[in-house]
N, C-alpha and C. Protein backbone atom coordinates (compact mmCIF):
# COMPACT_ATOMS: atom_id res chain seq x y z
N MET A 1 -50.96 -43.25 36.22
CA MET A 1 -50.46 -43.12 35.02
C MET A 1 -48.83 -43.59 34.65
N VAL A 2 -48.53 -44.45 33.86
CA VAL A 2 -47.32 -45.02 33.70
C VAL A 2 -46.35 -43.97 33.06
N PRO A 3 -45.11 -43.88 33.67
CA PRO A 3 -44.15 -42.84 33.16
C PRO A 3 -44.11 -42.45 31.55
N LEU A 4 -44.19 -43.56 30.62
CA LEU A 4 -44.20 -43.40 29.35
C LEU A 4 -45.36 -42.59 28.83
N VAL A 5 -46.45 -43.09 29.38
CA VAL A 5 -47.65 -42.20 29.04
C VAL A 5 -47.51 -40.80 29.45
N ARG A 6 -47.13 -40.63 30.45
CA ARG A 6 -47.05 -39.19 31.09
C ARG A 6 -46.08 -38.35 30.28
N ALA A 7 -44.97 -38.96 30.09
CA ALA A 7 -43.91 -38.24 29.06
C ALA A 7 -44.50 -37.96 27.57
N ILE A 8 -45.44 -38.70 27.03
CA ILE A 8 -46.26 -38.46 25.80
C ILE A 8 -47.14 -37.39 25.96
N LEU A 9 -47.71 -37.45 27.16
CA LEU A 9 -48.98 -36.27 27.45
C LEU A 9 -48.01 -34.85 27.48
N PHE A 10 -46.83 -35.16 28.23
CA PHE A 10 -46.17 -33.65 28.51
C PHE A 10 -45.72 -33.20 27.31
N LEU A 11 -45.10 -34.10 26.32
CA LEU A 11 -44.83 -33.40 25.23
C LEU A 11 -45.92 -33.06 24.25
N GLN A 12 -47.20 -33.72 24.17
CA GLN A 12 -48.21 -33.34 23.46
C GLN A 12 -48.79 -32.03 23.87
N LEU A 13 -49.14 -32.08 25.08
CA LEU A 13 -50.23 -31.00 25.68
C LEU A 13 -49.43 -29.80 26.17
N TRP A 14 -48.23 -29.77 26.36
CA TRP A 14 -47.60 -28.48 27.02
C TRP A 14 -47.21 -27.60 25.78
N PRO A 15 -47.97 -26.20 25.46
CA PRO A 15 -47.54 -25.45 24.28
C PRO A 15 -45.91 -25.20 24.49
N ILE A 16 -45.36 -24.99 25.56
CA ILE A 16 -43.73 -24.87 25.38
C ILE A 16 -43.10 -25.66 24.56
N ALA A 17 -43.59 -26.92 25.07
CA ALA A 17 -42.74 -28.08 24.21
C ALA A 17 -42.94 -28.02 22.87
N ALA A 18 -44.15 -27.73 22.38
CA ALA A 18 -44.49 -27.76 21.09
C ALA A 18 -44.07 -26.60 20.54
N ALA A 19 -43.79 -25.44 21.04
CA ALA A 19 -43.34 -24.20 20.52
C ALA A 19 -41.78 -24.24 20.43
N ALA A 20 -41.11 -25.17 21.27
CA ALA A 20 -39.74 -25.13 21.44
C ALA A 20 -39.30 -26.70 21.14
N PRO A 21 -39.05 -27.20 19.90
CA PRO A 21 -38.98 -28.60 19.54
C PRO A 21 -37.44 -28.81 19.92
N GLN A 22 -36.53 -28.01 20.48
CA GLN A 22 -35.33 -28.43 20.90
C GLN A 22 -35.30 -28.98 22.38
N LEU A 23 -36.49 -28.95 22.99
CA LEU A 23 -36.43 -29.36 24.31
C LEU A 23 -36.30 -30.91 24.61
N VAL A 24 -35.19 -31.32 25.04
CA VAL A 24 -35.12 -32.95 25.44
C VAL A 24 -34.55 -32.93 26.72
N VAL A 25 -34.58 -34.22 27.27
CA VAL A 25 -34.44 -34.49 28.75
C VAL A 25 -32.91 -35.12 28.81
N PRO A 26 -31.93 -34.29 29.50
CA PRO A 26 -30.49 -34.98 29.53
C PRO A 26 -30.59 -36.22 30.44
N GLN A 27 -29.30 -36.73 30.75
CA GLN A 27 -29.21 -37.68 31.64
C GLN A 27 -29.04 -37.32 33.09
N LEU A 28 -30.23 -36.78 33.64
CA LEU A 28 -30.42 -36.46 34.80
C LEU A 28 -31.38 -37.24 35.73
N HIS A 29 -31.21 -37.23 37.15
CA HIS A 29 -32.10 -38.04 37.86
C HIS A 29 -33.34 -37.27 38.08
N LEU A 30 -34.57 -37.57 37.16
CA LEU A 30 -35.55 -36.57 37.05
C LEU A 30 -36.92 -37.67 37.35
N ASP A 31 -37.94 -37.24 37.62
CA ASP A 31 -39.09 -37.71 37.80
C ASP A 31 -40.23 -36.98 37.33
N PHE A 32 -41.55 -37.36 37.13
CA PHE A 32 -42.61 -36.73 37.29
C PHE A 32 -43.06 -36.37 38.56
N CYS A 33 -43.59 -35.47 38.98
CA CYS A 33 -44.12 -35.11 40.26
C CYS A 33 -45.48 -34.28 40.05
N ASP A 34 -46.12 -34.41 41.12
CA ASP A 34 -47.54 -33.48 41.27
C ASP A 34 -47.25 -32.33 42.14
N ASN A 35 -46.29 -32.32 42.84
CA ASN A 35 -45.86 -31.09 43.75
C ASN A 35 -44.55 -30.95 43.72
N PHE A 36 -43.97 -29.49 43.56
CA PHE A 36 -42.63 -29.41 43.80
C PHE A 36 -42.23 -27.80 44.47
N GLN A 37 -40.97 -27.85 44.90
CA GLN A 37 -40.79 -26.62 45.38
C GLN A 37 -39.77 -26.00 44.38
N LEU A 38 -39.34 -24.58 44.41
CA LEU A 38 -38.52 -24.28 43.62
C LEU A 38 -37.34 -23.83 44.49
N ILE A 39 -36.11 -24.35 43.90
CA ILE A 39 -34.79 -24.14 44.65
C ILE A 39 -33.89 -23.11 43.82
N ALA A 40 -33.36 -21.99 44.54
CA ALA A 40 -32.58 -21.08 43.71
C ALA A 40 -31.21 -21.65 43.40
N HIS A 41 -30.52 -21.07 42.16
CA HIS A 41 -29.26 -21.31 42.21
C HIS A 41 -28.54 -19.94 41.35
N ALA A 42 -27.70 -19.48 41.91
CA ALA A 42 -27.33 -18.03 41.29
C ALA A 42 -26.29 -18.52 39.95
N HIS A 43 -26.38 -17.68 39.13
CA HIS A 43 -25.49 -17.99 37.98
C HIS A 43 -23.93 -17.79 38.22
N SER A 44 -23.01 -18.23 37.57
CA SER A 44 -21.64 -18.43 37.93
C SER A 44 -21.10 -17.01 37.80
N SER A 45 -21.64 -16.12 37.03
CA SER A 45 -20.95 -14.74 36.77
C SER A 45 -21.66 -13.81 37.80
N SER A 46 -22.31 -14.35 38.74
CA SER A 46 -22.93 -13.30 39.74
C SER A 46 -21.94 -13.21 40.90
N SER A 47 -22.25 -12.09 41.86
CA SER A 47 -21.34 -11.90 42.82
C SER A 47 -21.08 -13.10 43.71
N SER A 48 -20.07 -13.42 43.97
CA SER A 48 -19.88 -14.72 44.88
C SER A 48 -20.51 -14.46 46.16
N THR A 49 -20.42 -13.29 46.87
CA THR A 49 -21.07 -13.13 48.19
C THR A 49 -22.53 -13.27 48.27
N LEU A 50 -23.27 -12.54 47.18
CA LEU A 50 -24.64 -12.89 47.04
C LEU A 50 -25.03 -14.24 46.70
N ALA A 51 -24.09 -14.88 45.79
CA ALA A 51 -24.57 -16.30 45.26
C ALA A 51 -24.30 -17.09 46.48
N GLU A 52 -23.44 -16.89 47.37
CA GLU A 52 -23.48 -17.84 48.39
C GLU A 52 -24.66 -17.53 49.46
N SER A 53 -24.99 -16.58 49.46
CA SER A 53 -26.23 -16.17 50.38
C SER A 53 -27.44 -16.95 50.06
N ILE A 54 -27.66 -17.04 48.69
CA ILE A 54 -28.82 -17.70 48.29
C ILE A 54 -28.85 -19.14 48.04
N LYS A 55 -27.51 -19.62 47.79
CA LYS A 55 -27.34 -21.22 47.59
C LYS A 55 -28.24 -22.02 48.58
N GLY A 56 -29.34 -22.77 47.62
CA GLY A 56 -30.15 -23.74 48.08
C GLY A 56 -31.21 -23.05 48.62
N LEU A 57 -31.45 -21.84 48.73
CA LEU A 57 -32.71 -21.25 49.37
C LEU A 57 -33.87 -21.42 48.30
N ALA A 58 -35.02 -21.98 49.07
CA ALA A 58 -36.28 -22.46 48.24
C ALA A 58 -37.32 -21.09 48.21
N VAL A 59 -38.01 -21.04 47.26
CA VAL A 59 -38.98 -19.99 47.13
C VAL A 59 -40.12 -19.98 48.15
N SER A 60 -40.31 -19.26 48.89
CA SER A 60 -41.34 -19.03 49.76
C SER A 60 -42.32 -17.73 49.59
N LEU A 61 -43.44 -17.66 50.39
CA LEU A 61 -44.45 -16.64 50.18
C LEU A 61 -44.20 -15.38 51.24
N SER A 62 -44.25 -14.10 50.77
CA SER A 62 -44.17 -13.01 51.58
C SER A 62 -45.56 -12.34 51.53
N ASP A 63 -46.28 -11.95 52.68
CA ASP A 63 -47.42 -11.43 52.63
C ASP A 63 -47.21 -10.00 52.25
N THR A 64 -47.78 -9.33 51.22
CA THR A 64 -47.39 -8.07 50.90
C THR A 64 -48.70 -7.16 51.12
N GLY A 65 -49.57 -7.79 51.82
CA GLY A 65 -50.87 -6.99 52.17
C GLY A 65 -51.75 -7.19 50.65
N GLY A 66 -53.09 -7.06 51.00
CA GLY A 66 -54.03 -7.19 49.87
C GLY A 66 -54.02 -8.70 49.45
N CYS A 67 -54.40 -9.03 48.22
CA CYS A 67 -54.72 -10.48 47.98
C CYS A 67 -53.44 -11.10 47.22
N GLY A 68 -52.70 -10.36 47.02
CA GLY A 68 -51.35 -10.85 46.33
C GLY A 68 -50.24 -11.36 47.23
N LYS A 69 -49.31 -12.17 46.90
CA LYS A 69 -48.32 -12.48 47.84
C LYS A 69 -47.02 -12.44 46.80
N ALA A 70 -45.82 -11.84 47.32
CA ALA A 70 -44.71 -11.88 46.76
C ALA A 70 -44.08 -13.31 46.71
N LEU A 71 -43.23 -13.47 45.63
CA LEU A 71 -42.45 -15.01 45.88
C LEU A 71 -40.99 -14.32 46.13
N VAL A 72 -40.53 -15.06 47.16
CA VAL A 72 -39.08 -14.56 47.70
C VAL A 72 -38.18 -15.61 48.05
N LEU A 73 -37.09 -15.40 48.01
CA LEU A 73 -35.95 -16.49 48.48
C LEU A 73 -35.73 -15.93 50.11
N SER A 74 -35.79 -17.13 50.80
CA SER A 74 -35.60 -16.83 52.51
C SER A 74 -35.13 -18.06 52.99
N ASN A 75 -34.19 -17.82 53.96
CA ASN A 75 -33.72 -19.04 54.77
C ASN A 75 -34.75 -19.19 56.01
N SER A 76 -35.94 -18.73 56.06
CA SER A 76 -36.87 -19.15 57.05
C SER A 76 -37.22 -20.49 57.11
N GLY A 77 -37.14 -21.12 56.12
CA GLY A 77 -37.48 -22.75 56.04
C GLY A 77 -38.89 -22.83 55.71
N ASP A 78 -39.55 -21.93 55.24
CA ASP A 78 -41.00 -22.05 55.13
C ASP A 78 -40.99 -22.07 53.37
N ALA A 79 -40.65 -23.11 52.89
CA ALA A 79 -40.70 -23.43 51.22
C ALA A 79 -42.32 -23.63 50.83
N ALA A 80 -42.43 -22.97 49.74
CA ALA A 80 -43.76 -23.00 49.19
C ALA A 80 -43.91 -24.26 48.21
N SER A 81 -45.16 -24.62 48.10
CA SER A 81 -45.31 -25.82 47.35
C SER A 81 -46.29 -25.43 46.02
N PHE A 82 -45.72 -26.06 44.81
CA PHE A 82 -46.51 -25.58 43.57
C PHE A 82 -46.88 -26.82 42.91
N TYR A 83 -47.70 -26.58 41.94
CA TYR A 83 -47.88 -27.53 40.97
C TYR A 83 -47.99 -26.95 39.52
N PHE A 84 -48.11 -27.76 38.44
CA PHE A 84 -48.23 -27.27 37.00
C PHE A 84 -49.71 -27.64 36.67
N ASP A 85 -50.31 -26.86 36.03
CA ASP A 85 -51.53 -27.28 35.56
C ASP A 85 -51.42 -27.19 34.10
N MET A 86 -51.66 -28.56 33.30
CA MET A 86 -51.56 -28.59 32.03
C MET A 86 -52.88 -28.03 31.22
N ASP A 87 -53.89 -27.92 31.88
CA ASP A 87 -54.89 -27.45 31.17
C ASP A 87 -54.88 -25.84 30.72
N SER A 88 -54.34 -25.15 31.96
CA SER A 88 -54.09 -23.91 31.51
C SER A 88 -52.62 -23.43 31.28
N THR A 89 -51.67 -24.64 31.40
CA THR A 89 -50.24 -24.25 31.15
C THR A 89 -49.72 -23.11 32.03
N SER A 90 -50.06 -23.15 33.23
CA SER A 90 -49.67 -22.54 34.26
C SER A 90 -49.22 -22.84 35.49
N THR A 91 -48.33 -22.39 36.63
CA THR A 91 -47.97 -23.01 37.64
C THR A 91 -48.66 -22.32 38.75
N LYS A 92 -49.18 -23.14 39.77
CA LYS A 92 -50.19 -22.62 40.84
C LYS A 92 -49.59 -23.13 42.22
N SER A 93 -50.37 -22.61 43.13
CA SER A 93 -50.06 -22.95 44.58
C SER A 93 -51.38 -23.07 45.17
N GLU A 94 -51.53 -24.06 46.12
CA GLU A 94 -52.70 -24.24 46.77
C GLU A 94 -52.71 -23.96 48.24
N LEU A 95 -53.32 -22.82 48.75
CA LEU A 95 -53.10 -22.37 49.92
C LEU A 95 -54.39 -22.56 50.81
N PRO A 96 -54.34 -22.32 52.01
CA PRO A 96 -55.67 -22.78 52.88
C PRO A 96 -56.86 -21.94 52.40
N ASP A 97 -56.65 -20.81 51.73
CA ASP A 97 -57.83 -19.84 51.34
C ASP A 97 -58.11 -20.17 49.89
N GLY A 98 -57.45 -20.90 49.18
CA GLY A 98 -57.86 -21.27 47.89
C GLY A 98 -56.38 -21.31 47.01
N ILE A 99 -56.79 -21.58 45.70
CA ILE A 99 -55.65 -21.95 44.85
C ILE A 99 -55.28 -20.53 44.00
N ARG A 100 -53.86 -20.24 44.13
CA ARG A 100 -53.45 -18.88 43.54
C ARG A 100 -52.42 -19.29 42.27
N GLY A 101 -52.72 -18.51 41.09
CA GLY A 101 -51.57 -18.73 40.11
C GLY A 101 -50.42 -17.91 40.30
N VAL A 102 -49.38 -18.50 39.70
CA VAL A 102 -48.08 -17.65 39.74
C VAL A 102 -47.96 -16.65 38.54
N VAL A 103 -47.77 -15.53 38.87
CA VAL A 103 -47.81 -14.65 37.87
C VAL A 103 -46.52 -13.64 37.62
N ILE A 104 -46.16 -13.40 36.45
CA ILE A 104 -45.05 -12.35 36.18
C ILE A 104 -45.94 -11.09 35.97
N SER A 105 -45.69 -10.20 36.98
CA SER A 105 -46.52 -9.02 36.90
C SER A 105 -46.19 -8.02 35.73
N ASP A 106 -47.13 -7.16 35.71
CA ASP A 106 -46.75 -5.99 34.74
C ASP A 106 -45.60 -5.28 35.37
N PHE A 107 -44.90 -4.02 34.76
CA PHE A 107 -44.04 -3.43 35.38
C PHE A 107 -44.48 -2.86 36.47
N ILE A 108 -43.72 -2.66 37.74
CA ILE A 108 -44.23 -2.11 39.01
C ILE A 108 -42.70 -1.21 39.43
N ASP A 109 -42.78 0.14 39.32
CA ASP A 109 -41.47 0.88 39.62
C ASP A 109 -40.27 0.30 38.90
N GLY A 110 -40.73 -0.16 37.49
CA GLY A 110 -39.78 -0.27 36.55
C GLY A 110 -39.20 -1.72 36.56
N ARG A 111 -39.75 -2.79 37.44
CA ARG A 111 -39.58 -4.35 37.72
C ARG A 111 -40.82 -4.86 37.32
N ARG A 112 -40.63 -6.22 36.99
CA ARG A 112 -41.68 -7.22 36.84
C ARG A 112 -41.69 -8.03 37.95
N GLU A 113 -42.38 -8.24 39.01
CA GLU A 113 -42.34 -9.20 40.07
C GLU A 113 -42.73 -10.41 39.82
N LEU A 114 -42.12 -11.49 40.31
CA LEU A 114 -42.66 -12.87 40.32
C LEU A 114 -43.66 -13.10 41.71
N ARG A 115 -44.79 -13.39 41.57
CA ARG A 115 -45.68 -13.55 42.70
C ARG A 115 -46.84 -14.39 42.50
N LEU A 116 -47.66 -14.46 43.77
CA LEU A 116 -48.72 -15.36 43.43
C LEU A 116 -49.99 -14.16 43.28
N GLY A 117 -51.00 -14.44 42.40
CA GLY A 117 -51.79 -13.55 42.02
C GLY A 117 -52.92 -13.52 43.10
N CYS A 118 -54.09 -12.91 42.63
CA CYS A 118 -55.27 -12.95 43.54
C CYS A 118 -56.07 -14.06 43.32
N ASP A 119 -56.17 -14.75 42.38
CA ASP A 119 -56.79 -15.57 42.02
C ASP A 119 -56.15 -16.95 41.54
N SER A 120 -56.88 -17.98 40.85
CA SER A 120 -56.35 -19.19 40.37
C SER A 120 -55.55 -18.89 39.05
N THR A 121 -55.62 -17.71 38.28
CA THR A 121 -55.26 -17.39 36.96
C THR A 121 -53.78 -17.24 37.07
N GLY A 122 -52.80 -18.01 36.27
CA GLY A 122 -51.54 -17.76 36.50
C GLY A 122 -51.04 -17.14 34.99
N THR A 123 -49.75 -16.93 35.00
CA THR A 123 -49.13 -16.51 33.64
C THR A 123 -49.11 -17.71 32.80
N PRO A 124 -49.60 -17.63 31.56
CA PRO A 124 -49.82 -18.94 30.81
C PRO A 124 -48.27 -19.21 30.20
N ASP A 125 -48.27 -20.55 29.89
CA ASP A 125 -46.64 -21.14 29.71
C ASP A 125 -45.77 -20.81 30.49
N LEU A 126 -45.96 -20.84 31.80
CA LEU A 126 -45.01 -20.67 32.73
C LEU A 126 -44.90 -22.04 33.46
N GLY A 127 -43.83 -22.72 33.54
CA GLY A 127 -43.73 -23.88 34.37
C GLY A 127 -42.30 -24.52 34.19
N PRO A 128 -41.90 -25.58 34.86
CA PRO A 128 -40.67 -26.09 34.72
C PRO A 128 -40.33 -26.55 33.28
N ARG A 129 -39.34 -26.41 32.69
CA ARG A 129 -38.91 -26.77 31.27
C ARG A 129 -37.38 -27.16 31.37
N ILE A 130 -36.93 -27.74 30.38
CA ILE A 130 -35.53 -28.31 30.43
C ILE A 130 -35.09 -28.30 29.01
N THR A 131 -33.71 -28.03 28.68
CA THR A 131 -33.04 -28.27 27.53
C THR A 131 -31.65 -28.88 27.90
N THR A 132 -31.07 -29.15 26.84
CA THR A 132 -29.75 -29.98 26.98
C THR A 132 -28.79 -29.32 27.93
N GLN A 133 -29.00 -27.87 27.79
CA GLN A 133 -27.76 -27.08 28.44
C GLN A 133 -28.20 -26.59 30.02
N ASP A 134 -29.35 -27.14 30.45
CA ASP A 134 -29.96 -26.78 31.89
C ASP A 134 -29.40 -27.92 32.64
N PRO A 135 -29.34 -27.49 34.10
CA PRO A 135 -28.77 -28.42 35.15
C PRO A 135 -30.01 -29.34 35.60
N GLY A 136 -31.13 -28.79 35.13
CA GLY A 136 -32.33 -29.55 35.68
C GLY A 136 -33.42 -28.89 35.22
N PRO A 137 -34.85 -29.33 35.51
CA PRO A 137 -35.94 -28.68 35.10
C PRO A 137 -36.01 -27.20 35.76
N LEU A 138 -36.07 -26.10 35.24
CA LEU A 138 -36.06 -24.70 35.36
C LEU A 138 -37.58 -24.05 35.20
N LEU A 139 -37.89 -23.37 36.25
CA LEU A 139 -39.02 -22.50 35.81
C LEU A 139 -38.80 -21.42 34.70
N GLY A 140 -39.58 -21.60 33.68
CA GLY A 140 -39.24 -20.70 32.48
C GLY A 140 -40.52 -20.56 31.71
N SER A 141 -40.45 -19.82 30.66
CA SER A 141 -41.59 -19.91 29.41
C SER A 141 -40.96 -19.60 28.26
N ILE A 142 -41.92 -19.80 27.09
CA ILE A 142 -41.34 -19.52 25.80
C ILE A 142 -40.56 -18.07 25.48
N ALA A 143 -40.88 -17.12 26.55
CA ALA A 143 -40.32 -15.82 26.26
C ALA A 143 -38.81 -15.88 26.42
N GLU A 144 -38.01 -16.81 27.16
CA GLU A 144 -36.67 -16.85 27.16
C GLU A 144 -36.20 -15.61 28.00
N GLY A 145 -36.83 -15.23 28.84
CA GLY A 145 -36.29 -14.27 29.72
C GLY A 145 -35.49 -14.65 30.92
N GLN A 146 -35.32 -13.96 31.95
CA GLN A 146 -34.22 -14.34 32.88
C GLN A 146 -34.80 -13.79 34.35
N PHE A 147 -34.96 -14.79 35.35
CA PHE A 147 -35.31 -14.33 36.72
C PHE A 147 -34.11 -13.89 37.39
N TYR A 148 -34.21 -12.89 38.24
CA TYR A 148 -33.24 -12.47 39.14
C TYR A 148 -33.77 -12.11 40.62
N ALA A 149 -32.67 -12.01 41.54
CA ALA A 149 -33.25 -11.71 42.78
C ALA A 149 -32.41 -10.62 43.38
N CYS A 150 -33.17 -9.94 44.09
CA CYS A 150 -32.45 -8.79 44.69
C CYS A 150 -32.77 -8.69 46.36
N GLN A 151 -31.71 -8.46 46.98
CA GLN A 151 -31.70 -8.60 48.37
C GLN A 151 -32.72 -7.49 48.98
N SER A 152 -33.65 -7.95 49.84
CA SER A 152 -34.57 -6.87 50.52
C SER A 152 -34.28 -6.88 52.15
N ARG A 153 -33.69 -7.98 52.49
CA ARG A 153 -33.51 -7.72 54.00
C ARG A 153 -32.31 -8.76 54.30
N THR A 154 -31.34 -8.19 55.27
CA THR A 154 -30.30 -8.81 55.54
C THR A 154 -30.43 -9.42 57.03
N GLY A 155 -29.38 -10.22 57.44
CA GLY A 155 -29.26 -10.60 58.78
C GLY A 155 -29.58 -12.06 58.90
N PRO A 156 -30.05 -12.43 59.96
CA PRO A 156 -30.53 -14.03 60.16
C PRO A 156 -31.77 -14.38 59.21
N THR A 157 -32.66 -13.33 58.92
CA THR A 157 -33.58 -13.81 58.05
C THR A 157 -33.48 -13.18 56.91
N SER A 158 -32.35 -13.23 56.25
CA SER A 158 -32.12 -12.53 54.95
C SER A 158 -33.01 -13.07 53.75
N THR A 159 -33.80 -12.02 53.19
CA THR A 159 -34.60 -12.32 51.92
C THR A 159 -34.37 -11.56 50.69
N PHE A 160 -34.51 -12.33 49.74
CA PHE A 160 -34.64 -11.74 48.36
C PHE A 160 -35.78 -11.87 47.54
N LYS A 161 -36.16 -10.68 47.11
CA LYS A 161 -37.35 -10.60 46.20
C LYS A 161 -36.99 -11.10 44.70
N LEU A 162 -38.10 -11.65 44.25
CA LEU A 162 -37.69 -12.16 42.79
C LEU A 162 -38.44 -11.46 41.74
N PHE A 163 -37.70 -11.27 40.67
CA PHE A 163 -38.23 -10.39 39.70
C PHE A 163 -37.85 -11.25 38.38
N TYR A 164 -38.15 -10.45 37.15
CA TYR A 164 -38.26 -11.08 35.79
C TYR A 164 -37.85 -10.10 34.72
N ASN A 165 -36.60 -10.48 34.01
CA ASN A 165 -36.37 -9.62 32.88
C ASN A 165 -36.85 -10.18 31.57
N ASP A 166 -37.30 -9.37 30.67
CA ASP A 166 -37.82 -10.09 29.64
C ASP A 166 -36.63 -10.49 28.52
N THR A 167 -35.47 -9.70 28.72
CA THR A 167 -34.31 -10.38 27.94
C THR A 167 -33.22 -10.55 28.93
N LYS A 168 -32.26 -11.74 28.52
CA LYS A 168 -31.32 -12.13 29.24
C LYS A 168 -29.98 -11.16 28.96
N GLY A 169 -29.23 -11.15 29.90
CA GLY A 169 -27.93 -10.29 29.93
C GLY A 169 -27.96 -8.70 30.43
N SER A 170 -29.17 -8.48 31.17
CA SER A 170 -29.47 -6.99 31.43
C SER A 170 -28.58 -6.68 32.42
N VAL A 171 -28.04 -5.40 32.63
CA VAL A 171 -27.25 -5.18 33.89
C VAL A 171 -28.35 -5.02 34.97
N LEU A 172 -27.69 -5.28 36.01
CA LEU A 172 -28.41 -5.44 37.32
C LEU A 172 -27.77 -4.60 38.53
N PRO A 173 -28.44 -4.08 39.41
CA PRO A 173 -28.08 -3.26 40.57
C PRO A 173 -27.05 -4.19 41.26
N ASN A 174 -26.08 -3.82 42.23
CA ASN A 174 -25.21 -4.48 42.99
C ASN A 174 -25.95 -5.36 43.71
N SER A 175 -27.19 -5.18 44.42
CA SER A 175 -27.71 -6.13 45.39
C SER A 175 -28.53 -7.11 44.66
N CYS A 176 -28.60 -7.22 43.35
CA CYS A 176 -29.24 -8.32 42.51
C CYS A 176 -28.33 -9.09 42.08
N LEU A 177 -28.73 -10.29 41.67
CA LEU A 177 -28.07 -11.34 40.82
C LEU A 177 -29.01 -12.13 39.96
N ASN A 178 -28.73 -12.83 38.90
CA ASN A 178 -29.42 -13.67 38.15
C ASN A 178 -29.39 -15.02 38.84
N VAL A 179 -30.67 -15.56 38.72
CA VAL A 179 -30.92 -16.87 39.26
C VAL A 179 -31.66 -17.84 38.40
N SER A 180 -31.36 -19.22 38.56
CA SER A 180 -32.28 -20.18 37.95
C SER A 180 -33.11 -20.67 39.36
N LEU A 181 -34.26 -21.10 38.97
CA LEU A 181 -35.12 -21.67 39.82
C LEU A 181 -35.52 -23.21 39.55
N LEU A 182 -34.79 -24.16 40.18
CA LEU A 182 -34.93 -25.60 39.58
C LEU A 182 -36.23 -25.94 40.42
N SER A 183 -37.00 -27.07 39.95
CA SER A 183 -38.23 -27.52 40.37
C SER A 183 -37.46 -28.89 41.21
N LYS A 184 -37.96 -29.16 42.35
CA LYS A 184 -37.62 -30.17 43.16
C LYS A 184 -38.93 -31.00 43.89
N LYS A 185 -39.04 -32.33 43.57
CA LYS A 185 -40.03 -32.94 44.17
C LYS A 185 -40.34 -32.87 45.66
N THR A 186 -41.62 -32.80 45.83
CA THR A 186 -41.88 -32.76 47.36
C THR A 186 -43.38 -33.25 47.59
N ASP A 187 -43.68 -33.58 48.63
CA ASP A 187 -44.74 -34.36 48.97
C ASP A 187 -46.16 -33.32 48.73
N GLY A 188 -47.34 -34.08 48.83
CA GLY A 188 -48.48 -33.14 48.58
C GLY A 188 -49.43 -33.96 47.75
N SER A 189 -50.71 -33.63 47.95
CA SER A 189 -51.73 -34.25 47.30
C SER A 189 -51.79 -34.07 45.80
N SER A 190 -52.47 -34.79 45.09
CA SER A 190 -52.54 -34.76 43.69
C SER A 190 -53.87 -33.84 43.22
N HIS A 191 -53.49 -33.07 42.01
CA HIS A 191 -54.30 -32.18 41.69
C HIS A 191 -54.92 -32.54 40.14
N GLY A 192 -54.98 -33.83 39.98
CA GLY A 192 -55.63 -34.34 38.75
C GLY A 192 -54.69 -34.81 37.86
N GLU A 193 -55.13 -35.67 36.94
CA GLU A 193 -54.22 -36.51 35.86
C GLU A 193 -53.54 -35.42 34.89
N THR A 194 -53.99 -34.26 34.73
CA THR A 194 -53.32 -33.19 33.84
C THR A 194 -52.18 -32.31 34.68
N SER A 195 -52.13 -32.56 35.99
CA SER A 195 -51.29 -31.71 36.73
C SER A 195 -50.02 -32.51 37.11
N PHE A 196 -49.09 -32.42 36.49
CA PHE A 196 -47.82 -32.83 36.68
C PHE A 196 -46.59 -32.05 35.82
N ALA A 197 -45.43 -32.36 36.45
CA ALA A 197 -44.16 -31.66 35.88
C ALA A 197 -42.74 -32.64 35.99
N LEU A 198 -41.91 -32.08 35.29
CA LEU A 198 -40.48 -32.80 35.32
C LEU A 198 -40.07 -32.23 36.85
N CYS A 199 -39.35 -32.97 37.49
CA CYS A 199 -38.69 -32.34 38.89
C CYS A 199 -37.53 -33.21 39.07
N CYS A 200 -36.43 -32.45 39.65
CA CYS A 200 -35.39 -33.22 40.09
C CYS A 200 -35.90 -33.97 41.64
N LEU A 201 -34.98 -35.17 41.65
CA LEU A 201 -35.38 -35.90 42.91
C LEU A 201 -34.47 -35.08 44.22
N ASP A 202 -33.47 -34.92 43.96
CA ASP A 202 -32.55 -33.95 44.63
C ASP A 202 -31.76 -33.04 44.06
N ILE A 203 -31.22 -32.00 44.70
CA ILE A 203 -30.35 -30.74 44.01
C ILE A 203 -29.17 -30.76 44.81
N VAL A 204 -28.04 -30.77 44.20
CA VAL A 204 -26.75 -30.65 44.81
C VAL A 204 -25.99 -29.44 44.11
N ASN A 205 -25.47 -28.51 44.69
CA ASN A 205 -24.65 -27.33 43.78
C ASN A 205 -25.26 -27.17 42.45
N GLY A 206 -26.76 -26.69 42.83
CA GLY A 206 -27.38 -26.12 41.59
C GLY A 206 -27.89 -26.91 40.35
N SER A 207 -27.75 -28.28 40.75
CA SER A 207 -27.91 -29.19 39.54
C SER A 207 -28.79 -30.41 40.16
N CYS A 208 -29.52 -31.13 39.24
CA CYS A 208 -30.12 -32.49 39.79
C CYS A 208 -28.92 -33.43 39.83
N ILE A 209 -29.10 -34.31 40.82
CA ILE A 209 -28.22 -35.26 40.99
C ILE A 209 -28.34 -36.23 39.80
N VAL A 210 -27.04 -36.57 39.09
CA VAL A 210 -27.00 -37.43 38.06
C VAL A 210 -27.46 -38.76 38.56
N SER A 211 -28.24 -39.60 37.74
CA SER A 211 -28.50 -40.76 38.10
C SER A 211 -27.39 -41.95 37.88
């Protein structure tokens, strides 16, 4: 599919774009991709020490027991691969034992976790999106909430669990910081004509490289 046709389909078929007509693509080095990784960038107002700890970390999977898997930031190097399904307007990941949907959980101990569900059903209207103020395509939804990361393990294998606030500007514990999750193109098999997303070709200092 040629880029122009894909762009038209992207704007016509994704409800996020239809519900938010202010979405436009700034002059960044972007491409359409079948598969992407999610790369973290801390907001400038966040703790400098924690922000430096997560700089450039990719979202990976953590086996939490049962059928679900927590999505975490880790320096283990095991970045997870995702794709956006236009038919269900949700983000998914293909694992050896099947396809899992990315979900924002209901409240668990006062927090909403970002995780892979037990089946292919993901949270609707959750995928890479972009506005003129963004440094690149960010994982987000119509709800306009905010992702944040909390340190759960320190040392050589430092790990941060990912959560979601329904509203921006919420006060966070000292071990947590607000983050953006940018989509970066990665290799992988195609998931069909209606499976594609906007992605950075590369990311430097929390922003897509300008073309």
